[in-house]
Amino acid sequence: MKKKLIILLFFAVFPLASNAQLFWGGKTLNPKEVKEKWGHEKLDLKKFKEGSVKVKSSMAYSILLDKTLIGKSIDYIRNNLGNPDGFYFIDSYPAYLIQEGASHKEETWQIVFKLNEKYNVREVIVHKNCCE
């Protein structure tokens, strides 16, 4: 009986948790959509760190495809890409604005470095940060 209850709870809760992640996680773009929206420039860490939002957005596609940042520490990301200026749920995830809306009616997008339990990059996403 206990085993059946656990199985039933799993199948009842898992779909809700998955949908909650999509809801709370917000809208993201795949690499093709990123390339269409902001173009494609090869990642240059120095240019990214010192660059404007426009410069950073042009490198977002390269960052998504270039897996060399996966596994890097949070310190590596901050030292090489600069201080984060975006926000993704908690301060721990480095997020960098790549499009900044002038008002809440305009879209704001950011590139987010999701971390694992050791504070190393496990995934990179482009996330819609705001707007109505």
N, C-alpha and C. Protein backbone atom coordinates (compact mmCIF):
# COMPACT_ATOMS: atom_id res chain seq x y z
N MET A 1 0.82 -1.20 0.00
CA MET A 1 0.00 0.00 0.00
C MET A 1 0.87 1.26 0.00
N LYS A 2 1.89 1.28 0.84
CA LYS A 2 2.77 2.44 0.95
C LYS A 2 3.50 2.69 -0.38
N LYS A 3 3.93 1.61 -1.02
CA LYS A 3 4.63 1.73 -2.30
C LYS A 3 3.71 2.31 -3.37
N LYS A 4 2.45 1.88 -3.40
CA LYS A 4 1.48 2.40 -4.37
C LYS A 4 1.22 3.88 -4.14
N LEU A 5 1.16 4.30 -2.88
CA LEU A 5 0.95 5.71 -2.55
C LEU A 5 2.12 6.56 -3.03
N ILE A 6 3.31 6.06 -2.84
CA ILE A 6 4.51 6.78 -3.28
C ILE A 6 4.51 6.93 -4.80
N ILE A 7 4.19 5.85 -5.49
CA ILE A 7 4.14 5.88 -6.96
C ILE A 7 3.06 6.86 -7.44
N LEU A 8 1.91 6.81 -6.81
CA LEU A 8 0.82 7.71 -7.16
C LEU A 8 1.22 9.18 -6.94
N LEU A 9 1.85 9.45 -5.82
CA LEU A 9 2.31 10.82 -5.53
C LEU A 9 3.34 11.29 -6.56
N PHE A 10 4.24 10.38 -6.92
CA PHE A 10 5.25 10.74 -7.91
C PHE A 10 4.60 11.17 -9.22
N PHE A 11 3.66 10.37 -9.71
CA PHE A 11 3.02 10.68 -10.98
C PHE A 11 2.08 11.88 -10.89
N ALA A 12 1.64 12.21 -9.71
CA ALA A 12 0.78 13.39 -9.53
C ALA A 12 1.62 14.66 -9.36
N VAL A 13 2.75 14.55 -8.67
CA VAL A 13 3.55 15.73 -8.36
C VAL A 13 4.55 16.07 -9.46
N PHE A 14 5.14 15.08 -10.09
CA PHE A 14 6.17 15.33 -11.09
C PHE A 14 5.69 16.23 -12.22
N PRO A 15 4.54 15.96 -12.84
CA PRO A 15 4.07 16.87 -13.91
C PRO A 15 3.84 18.29 -13.41
N LEU A 16 3.36 18.43 -12.20
CA LEU A 16 3.15 19.78 -11.65
C LEU A 16 4.48 20.49 -11.45
N ALA A 17 5.47 19.77 -10.95
CA ALA A 17 6.79 20.37 -10.74
C ALA A 17 7.42 20.77 -12.07
N SER A 18 7.27 19.93 -13.08
CA SER A 18 7.83 20.26 -14.40
C SER A 18 7.19 21.51 -14.97
N ASN A 19 5.87 21.60 -14.89
CA ASN A 19 5.17 22.78 -15.39
C ASN A 19 5.50 24.02 -14.57
N ALA A 20 5.68 23.86 -13.27
CA ALA A 20 6.05 24.99 -12.42
C ALA A 20 7.41 25.54 -12.84
N GLN A 21 8.36 24.64 -13.18
CA GLN A 21 9.67 25.10 -13.64
C GLN A 21 9.54 25.92 -14.91
N LEU A 22 8.72 25.46 -15.85
CA LEU A 22 8.51 26.23 -17.07
C LEU A 22 7.88 27.58 -16.76
N PHE A 23 6.90 27.58 -15.86
CA PHE A 23 6.24 28.83 -15.50
C PHE A 23 7.20 29.77 -14.79
N TRP A 24 7.86 29.28 -13.76
CA TRP A 24 8.75 30.14 -12.98
C TRP A 24 10.06 30.40 -13.69
N GLY A 25 10.49 29.46 -14.52
CA GLY A 25 11.75 29.64 -15.24
C GLY A 25 11.68 30.75 -16.27
N GLY A 26 10.50 30.99 -16.80
CA GLY A 26 10.33 32.06 -17.77
C GLY A 26 10.72 31.64 -19.17
N LYS A 27 10.58 32.58 -20.08
CA LYS A 27 10.84 32.35 -21.50
C LYS A 27 12.34 32.35 -21.75
N THR A 28 12.78 31.41 -22.56
CA THR A 28 14.17 31.34 -22.98
C THR A 28 14.21 31.23 -24.51
N LEU A 29 15.37 31.48 -25.06
CA LEU A 29 15.57 31.36 -26.51
C LEU A 29 16.58 30.27 -26.79
N ASN A 30 16.37 29.55 -27.89
CA ASN A 30 17.36 28.56 -28.30
C ASN A 30 18.44 29.28 -29.11
N PRO A 31 19.57 28.61 -29.39
CA PRO A 31 20.66 29.27 -30.10
C PRO A 31 20.26 29.88 -31.45
N LYS A 32 19.42 29.19 -32.21
CA LYS A 32 19.00 29.72 -33.50
C LYS A 32 18.26 31.05 -33.33
N GLU A 33 17.36 31.12 -32.35
CA GLU A 33 16.62 32.36 -32.10
C GLU A 33 17.54 33.48 -31.64
N VAL A 34 18.55 33.12 -30.84
CA VAL A 34 19.53 34.12 -30.37
C VAL A 34 20.31 34.68 -31.56
N LYS A 35 20.75 33.81 -32.46
CA LYS A 35 21.51 34.25 -33.63
C LYS A 35 20.66 35.15 -34.52
N GLU A 36 19.38 34.80 -34.71
CA GLU A 36 18.50 35.62 -35.54
C GLU A 36 18.25 36.99 -34.91
N LYS A 37 18.18 37.05 -33.59
CA LYS A 37 17.85 38.29 -32.89
C LYS A 37 19.05 39.24 -32.76
N TRP A 38 20.25 38.68 -32.47
CA TRP A 38 21.40 39.55 -32.18
C TRP A 38 22.63 39.29 -33.05
N GLY A 39 22.54 38.35 -33.97
CA GLY A 39 23.70 38.07 -34.82
C GLY A 39 24.69 37.14 -34.15
N HIS A 40 25.90 37.13 -34.72
CA HIS A 40 26.90 36.19 -34.25
C HIS A 40 28.29 36.80 -34.35
N GLU A 41 28.90 36.99 -33.23
CA GLU A 41 30.29 37.41 -33.17
C GLU A 41 31.01 36.43 -32.26
N LYS A 42 32.22 36.08 -32.60
CA LYS A 42 33.00 35.14 -31.79
C LYS A 42 33.20 35.72 -30.39
N LEU A 43 33.14 34.84 -29.39
CA LEU A 43 33.33 35.27 -28.01
C LEU A 43 34.76 35.75 -27.79
N ASP A 44 34.87 36.96 -27.29
CA ASP A 44 36.14 37.55 -26.88
C ASP A 44 35.91 38.01 -25.45
N LEU A 45 36.52 37.32 -24.49
CA LEU A 45 36.25 37.59 -23.08
C LEU A 45 36.51 39.04 -22.70
N LYS A 46 37.60 39.59 -23.20
CA LYS A 46 37.93 40.98 -22.88
C LYS A 46 36.89 41.95 -23.43
N LYS A 47 36.50 41.74 -24.70
CA LYS A 47 35.48 42.61 -25.31
C LYS A 47 34.15 42.47 -24.58
N PHE A 48 33.80 41.24 -24.20
CA PHE A 48 32.55 41.03 -23.47
C PHE A 48 32.60 41.79 -22.14
N LYS A 49 33.68 41.63 -21.42
CA LYS A 49 33.82 42.25 -20.09
C LYS A 49 33.74 43.77 -20.16
N GLU A 50 34.33 44.35 -21.16
CA GLU A 50 34.39 45.80 -21.28
C GLU A 50 33.29 46.38 -22.17
N GLY A 51 32.56 45.51 -22.84
CA GLY A 51 31.63 45.95 -23.87
C GLY A 51 30.26 46.40 -23.38
N SER A 52 29.56 47.02 -24.29
CA SER A 52 28.20 47.48 -24.05
C SER A 52 27.24 46.29 -24.14
N VAL A 53 25.98 46.55 -23.87
CA VAL A 53 24.95 45.53 -24.00
C VAL A 53 24.92 45.02 -25.44
N LYS A 54 25.09 45.91 -26.40
CA LYS A 54 25.08 45.52 -27.81
C LYS A 54 26.24 44.57 -28.13
N VAL A 55 27.42 44.85 -27.61
CA VAL A 55 28.57 43.98 -27.82
C VAL A 55 28.31 42.61 -27.19
N LYS A 56 27.80 42.61 -25.97
CA LYS A 56 27.53 41.35 -25.27
C LYS A 56 26.48 40.53 -26.01
N SER A 57 25.44 41.19 -26.50
CA SER A 57 24.37 40.46 -27.19
C SER A 57 24.89 39.80 -28.47
N SER A 58 25.85 40.44 -29.14
CA SER A 58 26.38 39.86 -30.38
C SER A 58 27.19 38.60 -30.11
N MET A 59 27.63 38.39 -28.87
CA MET A 59 28.41 37.21 -28.50
C MET A 59 27.58 36.13 -27.82
N ALA A 60 26.32 36.40 -27.58
CA ALA A 60 25.46 35.45 -26.85
C ALA A 60 25.37 34.11 -27.58
N TYR A 61 25.24 34.14 -28.89
CA TYR A 61 25.15 32.91 -29.68
C TYR A 61 26.42 32.07 -29.50
N SER A 62 27.57 32.71 -29.57
CA SER A 62 28.84 32.00 -29.39
C SER A 62 28.93 31.38 -28.00
N ILE A 63 28.48 32.11 -27.00
CA ILE A 63 28.53 31.59 -25.63
C ILE A 63 27.66 30.35 -25.49
N LEU A 64 26.48 30.38 -26.11
CA LEU A 64 25.59 29.22 -26.04
C LEU A 64 26.18 27.99 -26.71
N LEU A 65 26.86 28.20 -27.83
CA LEU A 65 27.42 27.06 -28.58
C LEU A 65 28.77 26.61 -28.05
N ASP A 66 29.56 27.54 -27.54
CA ASP A 66 30.90 27.23 -27.06
C ASP A 66 30.80 26.63 -25.66
N LYS A 67 31.04 25.35 -25.57
CA LYS A 67 30.86 24.64 -24.29
C LYS A 67 32.06 24.79 -23.35
N THR A 68 33.05 25.62 -23.70
CA THR A 68 34.23 25.75 -22.83
C THR A 68 33.91 26.44 -21.50
N LEU A 69 32.79 27.16 -21.42
CA LEU A 69 32.43 27.80 -20.15
C LEU A 69 31.68 26.84 -19.22
N ILE A 70 31.19 25.73 -19.77
CA ILE A 70 30.55 24.71 -18.93
C ILE A 70 31.62 24.10 -18.03
N GLY A 71 31.31 24.04 -16.75
CA GLY A 71 32.25 23.49 -15.78
C GLY A 71 33.15 24.53 -15.14
N LYS A 72 33.18 25.74 -15.69
CA LYS A 72 34.01 26.80 -15.11
C LYS A 72 33.38 27.29 -13.80
N SER A 73 34.22 27.77 -12.91
CA SER A 73 33.75 28.24 -11.61
C SER A 73 33.07 29.61 -11.73
N ILE A 74 32.27 29.92 -10.74
CA ILE A 74 31.62 31.23 -10.68
C ILE A 74 32.68 32.34 -10.67
N ASP A 75 33.79 32.09 -9.99
CA ASP A 75 34.87 33.09 -9.96
C ASP A 75 35.46 33.30 -11.34
N TYR A 76 35.64 32.23 -12.10
CA TYR A 76 36.16 32.35 -13.46
C TYR A 76 35.22 33.21 -14.31
N ILE A 77 33.92 32.93 -14.21
CA ILE A 77 32.94 33.68 -15.00
C ILE A 77 33.01 35.16 -14.64
N ARG A 78 32.97 35.47 -13.36
CA ARG A 78 32.99 36.88 -12.94
C ARG A 78 34.31 37.56 -13.29
N ASN A 79 35.41 36.87 -13.12
CA ASN A 79 36.71 37.46 -13.45
C ASN A 79 36.88 37.72 -14.94
N ASN A 80 36.33 36.85 -15.78
CA ASN A 80 36.53 36.96 -17.22
C ASN A 80 35.41 37.68 -17.96
N LEU A 81 34.20 37.68 -17.40
CA LEU A 81 33.08 38.36 -18.07
C LEU A 81 32.66 39.64 -17.36
N GLY A 82 33.21 39.88 -16.20
CA GLY A 82 32.88 41.10 -15.45
C GLY A 82 31.79 40.86 -14.43
N ASN A 83 31.44 41.92 -13.74
CA ASN A 83 30.38 41.84 -12.73
C ASN A 83 29.03 41.68 -13.39
N PRO A 84 28.24 40.72 -12.96
CA PRO A 84 26.91 40.52 -13.53
C PRO A 84 26.03 41.76 -13.33
N ASP A 85 25.19 42.05 -14.32
CA ASP A 85 24.27 43.18 -14.20
C ASP A 85 22.82 42.75 -14.36
N GLY A 86 22.58 41.45 -14.48
CA GLY A 86 21.23 40.91 -14.56
C GLY A 86 20.88 40.20 -13.26
N PHE A 87 19.72 39.57 -13.27
CA PHE A 87 19.29 38.81 -12.09
C PHE A 87 18.42 37.65 -12.54
N TYR A 88 18.71 36.46 -12.00
CA TYR A 88 17.95 35.25 -12.31
C TYR A 88 17.68 34.49 -11.01
N PHE A 89 16.61 34.80 -10.36
CA PHE A 89 16.08 34.14 -9.18
C PHE A 89 16.93 34.25 -7.91
N ILE A 90 18.23 34.03 -8.00
CA ILE A 90 19.10 34.19 -6.85
C ILE A 90 20.38 34.90 -7.30
N ASP A 91 21.01 35.58 -6.38
CA ASP A 91 22.23 36.33 -6.72
C ASP A 91 23.38 35.44 -7.17
N SER A 92 23.34 34.17 -6.82
CA SER A 92 24.45 33.27 -7.14
C SER A 92 24.64 33.06 -8.63
N TYR A 93 23.56 33.07 -9.41
CA TYR A 93 23.69 32.83 -10.84
C TYR A 93 24.14 34.09 -11.55
N PRO A 94 25.35 34.08 -12.14
CA PRO A 94 25.78 35.25 -12.91
C PRO A 94 24.86 35.45 -14.13
N ALA A 95 24.35 36.66 -14.28
CA ALA A 95 23.47 37.00 -15.39
C ALA A 95 23.91 38.34 -15.97
N TYR A 96 23.98 38.39 -17.29
CA TYR A 96 24.47 39.58 -17.98
C TYR A 96 23.42 40.05 -18.98
N LEU A 97 23.05 41.32 -18.89
CA LEU A 97 22.05 41.87 -19.79
C LEU A 97 22.58 41.91 -21.22
N ILE A 98 21.73 41.48 -22.16
CA ILE A 98 22.09 41.54 -23.58
C ILE A 98 21.06 42.34 -24.36
N GLN A 99 19.98 42.71 -23.72
CA GLN A 99 19.00 43.65 -24.28
C GLN A 99 18.27 44.25 -23.11
N GLU A 100 18.24 45.57 -23.07
CA GLU A 100 17.64 46.26 -21.94
C GLU A 100 16.52 47.17 -22.42
N GLY A 101 15.29 46.84 -22.02
CA GLY A 101 14.15 47.66 -22.39
C GLY A 101 14.16 48.99 -21.65
N ALA A 102 13.70 50.03 -22.33
CA ALA A 102 13.66 51.37 -21.72
C ALA A 102 12.49 51.50 -20.73
N SER A 103 11.49 50.62 -20.88
CA SER A 103 10.35 50.63 -19.97
C SER A 103 9.91 49.19 -19.73
N HIS A 104 8.94 49.01 -18.85
CA HIS A 104 8.45 47.66 -18.57
C HIS A 104 7.66 47.06 -19.73
N LYS A 105 7.38 47.85 -20.74
CA LYS A 105 6.68 47.33 -21.92
C LYS A 105 7.63 46.79 -22.97
N GLU A 106 8.92 47.07 -22.79
CA GLU A 106 9.93 46.60 -23.73
C GLU A 106 10.69 45.43 -23.12
N GLU A 107 11.10 44.51 -23.97
CA GLU A 107 11.77 43.30 -23.52
C GLU A 107 13.17 43.57 -22.98
N THR A 108 13.50 42.84 -21.93
CA THR A 108 14.86 42.79 -21.41
C THR A 108 15.28 41.32 -21.42
N TRP A 109 16.46 41.05 -21.98
CA TRP A 109 16.99 39.70 -22.08
C TRP A 109 18.35 39.64 -21.41
N GLN A 110 18.69 38.46 -20.92
CA GLN A 110 19.97 38.26 -20.26
C GLN A 110 20.51 36.88 -20.55
N ILE A 111 21.82 36.77 -20.49
CA ILE A 111 22.45 35.47 -20.59
C ILE A 111 22.78 35.04 -19.17
N VAL A 112 22.35 33.83 -18.82
CA VAL A 112 22.43 33.34 -17.45
C VAL A 112 23.32 32.10 -17.40
N PHE A 113 24.19 32.08 -16.41
CA PHE A 113 25.05 30.93 -16.16
C PHE A 113 24.50 30.20 -14.94
N LYS A 114 23.77 29.11 -15.19
CA LYS A 114 23.22 28.32 -14.10
C LYS A 114 24.34 27.47 -13.50
N LEU A 115 24.33 27.36 -12.20
CA LEU A 115 25.41 26.69 -11.48
C LEU A 115 24.97 25.39 -10.84
N ASN A 116 25.93 24.51 -10.62
CA ASN A 116 25.65 23.28 -9.89
C ASN A 116 25.95 23.50 -8.40
N GLU A 117 25.90 22.44 -7.63
CA GLU A 117 26.10 22.56 -6.18
C GLU A 117 27.52 22.97 -5.79
N LYS A 118 28.48 22.85 -6.72
CA LYS A 118 29.86 23.26 -6.46
C LYS A 118 30.15 24.66 -7.01
N TYR A 119 29.10 25.35 -7.47
CA TYR A 119 29.19 26.69 -8.04
C TYR A 119 30.02 26.73 -9.32
N ASN A 120 29.88 25.66 -10.10
CA ASN A 120 30.45 25.61 -11.45
C ASN A 120 29.30 25.67 -12.45
N VAL A 121 29.57 26.23 -13.62
CA VAL A 121 28.53 26.38 -14.64
C VAL A 121 28.06 25.00 -15.10
N ARG A 122 26.74 24.78 -15.01
CA ARG A 122 26.17 23.53 -15.51
C ARG A 122 25.37 23.75 -16.79
N GLU A 123 24.93 25.00 -17.01
CA GLU A 123 24.10 25.30 -18.19
C GLU A 123 24.13 26.81 -18.43
N VAL A 124 24.04 27.18 -19.71
CA VAL A 124 23.95 28.59 -20.09
C VAL A 124 22.66 28.77 -20.87
N ILE A 125 21.88 29.78 -20.49
CA ILE A 125 20.61 30.05 -21.17
C ILE A 125 20.50 31.54 -21.48
N VAL A 126 19.66 31.86 -22.45
CA VAL A 126 19.26 33.23 -22.69
C VAL A 126 17.81 33.34 -22.21
N HIS A 127 17.59 34.22 -21.25
CA HIS A 127 16.35 34.30 -20.50
C HIS A 127 15.71 35.68 -20.63
N LYS A 128 14.41 35.68 -20.81
CA LYS A 128 13.65 36.94 -20.85
C LYS A 128 13.46 37.40 -19.41
N ASN A 129 14.02 38.56 -19.09
CA ASN A 129 14.03 39.04 -17.72
C ASN A 129 12.77 39.80 -17.36
N CYS A 130 12.17 40.44 -18.32
CA CYS A 130 11.00 41.24 -17.93
C CYS A 130 10.06 41.55 -19.06
N CYS A 131 9.14 42.19 -18.79
CA CYS A 131 8.20 43.03 -19.52
C CYS A 131 6.79 42.47 -19.45
N GLU A 132 5.89 43.33 -19.79
CA GLU A 132 4.47 42.99 -19.65
C GLU A 132 3.97 42.18 -20.82
